[in-house]
Protein backbone atom coordinates (compact mmCIF):
# COMPACT_ATOMS: atom_id res chain seq x y z
CA UNK A 1 0.00 0.00 0.00
CA UNK A 2 1.22 3.46 -0.86
CA UNK A 3 -0.21 6.92 -0.63
CA UNK A 4 -0.79 9.45 -3.37
CA UNK A 5 -1.94 13.01 -2.84
CA UNK A 6 -5.22 14.38 -4.14
CA UNK A 7 -5.96 18.05 -3.43
CA UNK A 8 -3.25 17.98 -0.79
CA UNK A 9 -4.66 15.07 1.21
CA UNK A 10 -3.34 11.50 1.30
CA UNK A 11 -5.26 8.78 -0.51
CA UNK A 12 -4.28 5.19 0.14
CA UNK A 13 -3.69 3.15 -3.01
CA UNK A 14 -3.58 -0.61 -2.64
CA UNK A 15 -2.06 -2.37 -5.63
CA UNK A 16 -2.62 -6.09 -5.97
CA UNK A 17 -2.91 -8.96 -8.36
CA UNK A 18 -6.45 -10.17 -8.86
CA UNK A 19 -7.58 -13.78 -8.68
CA UNK A 20 -5.82 -14.29 -12.02
CA UNK A 21 -2.08 -13.53 -11.76
CA UNK A 22 -2.30 -11.44 -14.94
CA UNK A 23 -5.04 -9.21 -13.51
CA UNK A 24 -4.02 -6.01 -11.74
CA UNK A 25 -6.14 -3.96 -9.36
CA UNK A 26 -5.68 -0.55 -7.75
CA UNK A 27 -8.00 0.18 -4.85
CA UNK A 28 -8.36 3.80 -3.77
CA UNK A 29 -9.30 4.69 -0.19
CA UNK A 30 -10.03 8.30 0.70
CA UNK A 31 -11.34 8.87 4.22
CA UNK A 32 -12.48 12.33 3.20
CA UNK A 33 -14.93 10.89 0.65
CA UNK A 34 -15.91 7.71 2.53
CA UNK A 35 -14.69 6.60 5.95
CA UNK A 36 -15.78 2.97 5.53
CA UNK A 37 -13.20 1.81 3.02
CA UNK A 38 -12.74 1.66 -0.70
CA UNK A 39 -14.01 4.53 -2.78
CA UNK A 40 -13.24 2.92 -6.12
CA UNK A 41 -11.09 0.32 -7.81
CA UNK A 42 -9.53 0.17 -11.26
CA UNK A 43 -9.02 -3.34 -12.66
CA UNK A 44 -7.04 -4.38 -15.74
CA UNK A 45 -8.17 -7.95 -16.50
CA UNK A 46 -6.04 -10.83 -17.70
CA UNK A 47 -2.92 -8.93 -18.68
CA UNK A 48 -4.87 -6.75 -21.06
CA UNK A 49 -3.90 -3.25 -22.12
CA UNK A 50 -5.04 -0.11 -20.36
CA UNK A 51 -7.92 0.18 -22.82
CA UNK A 52 -9.46 -2.96 -21.23
CA UNK A 53 -9.47 -1.44 -17.73
CA UNK A 54 -12.76 -1.24 -15.83
CA UNK A 55 -13.86 1.01 -12.99
CA UNK A 56 -15.65 -0.41 -9.96
CA UNK A 57 -17.47 1.78 -7.43
CA UNK A 58 -19.18 0.15 -4.43
CA UNK A 59 -22.94 0.88 -4.50
CA UNK A 60 -22.91 2.34 -1.00
CA UNK A 61 -20.34 5.00 -1.93
CA UNK A 62 -22.81 7.06 -3.93
CA UNK A 63 -21.59 9.98 -6.01
CA UNK A 64 -17.91 10.81 -6.49
CA UNK A 65 -16.36 14.03 -7.76
CA UNK A 66 -15.41 13.71 -11.41
CA UNK A 67 -11.97 15.19 -10.80
CA UNK A 68 -11.26 12.47 -8.17
CA UNK A 69 -12.27 9.74 -10.64
CA UNK A 70 -10.12 11.29 -13.38
CA UNK A 71 -7.19 11.58 -10.97
CA UNK A 72 -7.54 7.94 -9.81
CA UNK A 73 -7.65 6.73 -13.43
CA UNK A 74 -4.49 8.72 -14.20
CA UNK A 75 -2.71 7.21 -11.17
CA UNK A 76 -3.71 3.65 -12.12
CA UNK A 77 -2.67 4.14 -15.74
CA UNK A 78 0.68 5.59 -14.70
CA UNK A 79 1.30 2.64 -12.39
CA UNK A 80 0.32 0.10 -15.04
CA UNK A 81 2.63 1.60 -17.61
CA UNK A 82 5.40 1.84 -15.00
C-alpha atoms as a PDB file:
ATOM      1  CA  UNK A   1       0.000   0.000   0.000  1.00  0.00           C
ATOM      2  CA  UNK A   2       1.221   3.458  -0.855  1.00  0.00           C
ATOM      3  CA  UNK A   3      -0.212   6.920  -0.635  1.00  0.00           C
ATOM      4  CA  UNK A   4      -0.795   9.454  -3.365  1.00  0.00           C
ATOM      5  CA  UNK A   5      -1.943  13.010  -2.841  1.00  0.00           C
ATOM      6  CA  UNK A   6      -5.218  14.383  -4.140  1.00  0.00           C
ATOM      7  CA  UNK A   7      -5.963  18.052  -3.431  1.00  0.00           C
ATOM      8  CA  UNK A   8      -3.249  17.981  -0.792  1.00  0.00           C
ATOM      9  CA  UNK A   9      -4.660  15.069   1.207  1.00  0.00           C
ATOM     10  CA  UNK A  10      -3.340  11.500   1.296  1.00  0.00           C
ATOM     11  CA  UNK A  11      -5.256   8.784  -0.513  1.00  0.00           C
ATOM     12  CA  UNK A  12      -4.277   5.188   0.137  1.00  0.00           C
ATOM     13  CA  UNK A  13      -3.690   3.151  -3.010  1.00  0.00           C
ATOM     14  CA  UNK A  14      -3.579  -0.614  -2.640  1.00  0.00           C
ATOM     15  CA  UNK A  15      -2.064  -2.369  -5.631  1.00  0.00           C
ATOM     16  CA  UNK A  16      -2.623  -6.091  -5.967  1.00  0.00           C
ATOM     17  CA  UNK A  17      -2.914  -8.962  -8.365  1.00  0.00           C
ATOM     18  CA  UNK A  18      -6.450 -10.166  -8.856  1.00  0.00           C
ATOM     19  CA  UNK A  19      -7.582 -13.780  -8.679  1.00  0.00           C
ATOM     20  CA  UNK A  20      -5.820 -14.292 -12.021  1.00  0.00           C
ATOM     21  CA  UNK A  21      -2.077 -13.531 -11.765  1.00  0.00           C
ATOM     22  CA  UNK A  22      -2.299 -11.445 -14.943  1.00  0.00           C
ATOM     23  CA  UNK A  23      -5.038  -9.213 -13.511  1.00  0.00           C
ATOM     24  CA  UNK A  24      -4.021  -6.013 -11.743  1.00  0.00           C
ATOM     25  CA  UNK A  25      -6.138  -3.962  -9.363  1.00  0.00           C
ATOM     26  CA  UNK A  26      -5.680  -0.551  -7.754  1.00  0.00           C
ATOM     27  CA  UNK A  27      -8.004   0.177  -4.852  1.00  0.00           C
ATOM     28  CA  UNK A  28      -8.356   3.802  -3.769  1.00  0.00           C
ATOM     29  CA  UNK A  29      -9.300   4.693  -0.190  1.00  0.00           C
ATOM     30  CA  UNK A  30     -10.030   8.305   0.701  1.00  0.00           C
ATOM     31  CA  UNK A  31     -11.339   8.873   4.218  1.00  0.00           C
ATOM     32  CA  UNK A  32     -12.480  12.331   3.199  1.00  0.00           C
ATOM     33  CA  UNK A  33     -14.935  10.888   0.654  1.00  0.00           C
ATOM     34  CA  UNK A  34     -15.911   7.711   2.533  1.00  0.00           C
ATOM     35  CA  UNK A  35     -14.686   6.598   5.955  1.00  0.00           C
ATOM     36  CA  UNK A  36     -15.784   2.975   5.531  1.00  0.00           C
ATOM     37  CA  UNK A  37     -13.198   1.807   3.022  1.00  0.00           C
ATOM     38  CA  UNK A  38     -12.738   1.662  -0.701  1.00  0.00           C
ATOM     39  CA  UNK A  39     -14.014   4.531  -2.780  1.00  0.00           C
ATOM     40  CA  UNK A  40     -13.242   2.919  -6.119  1.00  0.00           C
ATOM     41  CA  UNK A  41     -11.087   0.320  -7.814  1.00  0.00           C
ATOM     42  CA  UNK A  42      -9.526   0.167 -11.256  1.00  0.00           C
ATOM     43  CA  UNK A  43      -9.017  -3.336 -12.657  1.00  0.00           C
ATOM     44  CA  UNK A  44      -7.038  -4.381 -15.737  1.00  0.00           C
ATOM     45  CA  UNK A  45      -8.169  -7.946 -16.504  1.00  0.00           C
ATOM     46  CA  UNK A  46      -6.037 -10.833 -17.696  1.00  0.00           C
ATOM     47  CA  UNK A  47      -2.922  -8.926 -18.684  1.00  0.00           C
ATOM     48  CA  UNK A  48      -4.870  -6.749 -21.059  1.00  0.00           C
ATOM     49  CA  UNK A  49      -3.899  -3.255 -22.121  1.00  0.00           C
ATOM     50  CA  UNK A  50      -5.038  -0.107 -20.361  1.00  0.00           C
ATOM     51  CA  UNK A  51      -7.915   0.180 -22.815  1.00  0.00           C
ATOM     52  CA  UNK A  52      -9.461  -2.958 -21.229  1.00  0.00           C
ATOM     53  CA  UNK A  53      -9.471  -1.443 -17.727  1.00  0.00           C
ATOM     54  CA  UNK A  54     -12.757  -1.241 -15.832  1.00  0.00           C
ATOM     55  CA  UNK A  55     -13.858   1.013 -12.989  1.00  0.00           C
ATOM     56  CA  UNK A  56     -15.646  -0.412  -9.962  1.00  0.00           C
ATOM     57  CA  UNK A  57     -17.470   1.775  -7.425  1.00  0.00           C
ATOM     58  CA  UNK A  58     -19.185   0.150  -4.433  1.00  0.00           C
ATOM     59  CA  UNK A  59     -22.935   0.883  -4.504  1.00  0.00           C
ATOM     60  CA  UNK A  60     -22.915   2.343  -0.996  1.00  0.00           C
ATOM     61  CA  UNK A  61     -20.344   5.002  -1.926  1.00  0.00           C
ATOM     62  CA  UNK A  62     -22.806   7.056  -3.929  1.00  0.00           C
ATOM     63  CA  UNK A  63     -21.589   9.980  -6.012  1.00  0.00           C
ATOM     64  CA  UNK A  64     -17.911  10.813  -6.490  1.00  0.00           C
ATOM     65  CA  UNK A  65     -16.360  14.033  -7.758  1.00  0.00           C
ATOM     66  CA  UNK A  66     -15.406  13.712 -11.412  1.00  0.00           C
ATOM     67  CA  UNK A  67     -11.966  15.191 -10.796  1.00  0.00           C
ATOM     68  CA  UNK A  68     -11.264  12.474  -8.171  1.00  0.00           C
ATOM     69  CA  UNK A  69     -12.273   9.737 -10.637  1.00  0.00           C
ATOM     70  CA  UNK A  70     -10.121  11.289 -13.380  1.00  0.00           C
ATOM     71  CA  UNK A  71      -7.186  11.585 -10.966  1.00  0.00           C
ATOM     72  CA  UNK A  72      -7.545   7.940  -9.815  1.00  0.00           C
ATOM     73  CA  UNK A  73      -7.654   6.730 -13.426  1.00  0.00           C
ATOM     74  CA  UNK A  74      -4.491   8.718 -14.198  1.00  0.00           C
ATOM     75  CA  UNK A  75      -2.708   7.209 -11.172  1.00  0.00           C
ATOM     76  CA  UNK A  76      -3.714   3.649 -12.116  1.00  0.00           C
ATOM     77  CA  UNK A  77      -2.673   4.136 -15.743  1.00  0.00           C
ATOM     78  CA  UNK A  78       0.678   5.589 -14.699  1.00  0.00           C
ATOM     79  CA  UNK A  79       1.301   2.644 -12.390  1.00  0.00           C
ATOM     80  CA  UNK A  80       0.317   0.097 -15.035  1.00  0.00           C
ATOM     81  CA  UNK A  81       2.633   1.597 -17.611  1.00  0.00           C
ATOM     82  CA  UNK A  82       5.401   1.841 -15.000  1.00  0.00           C
END
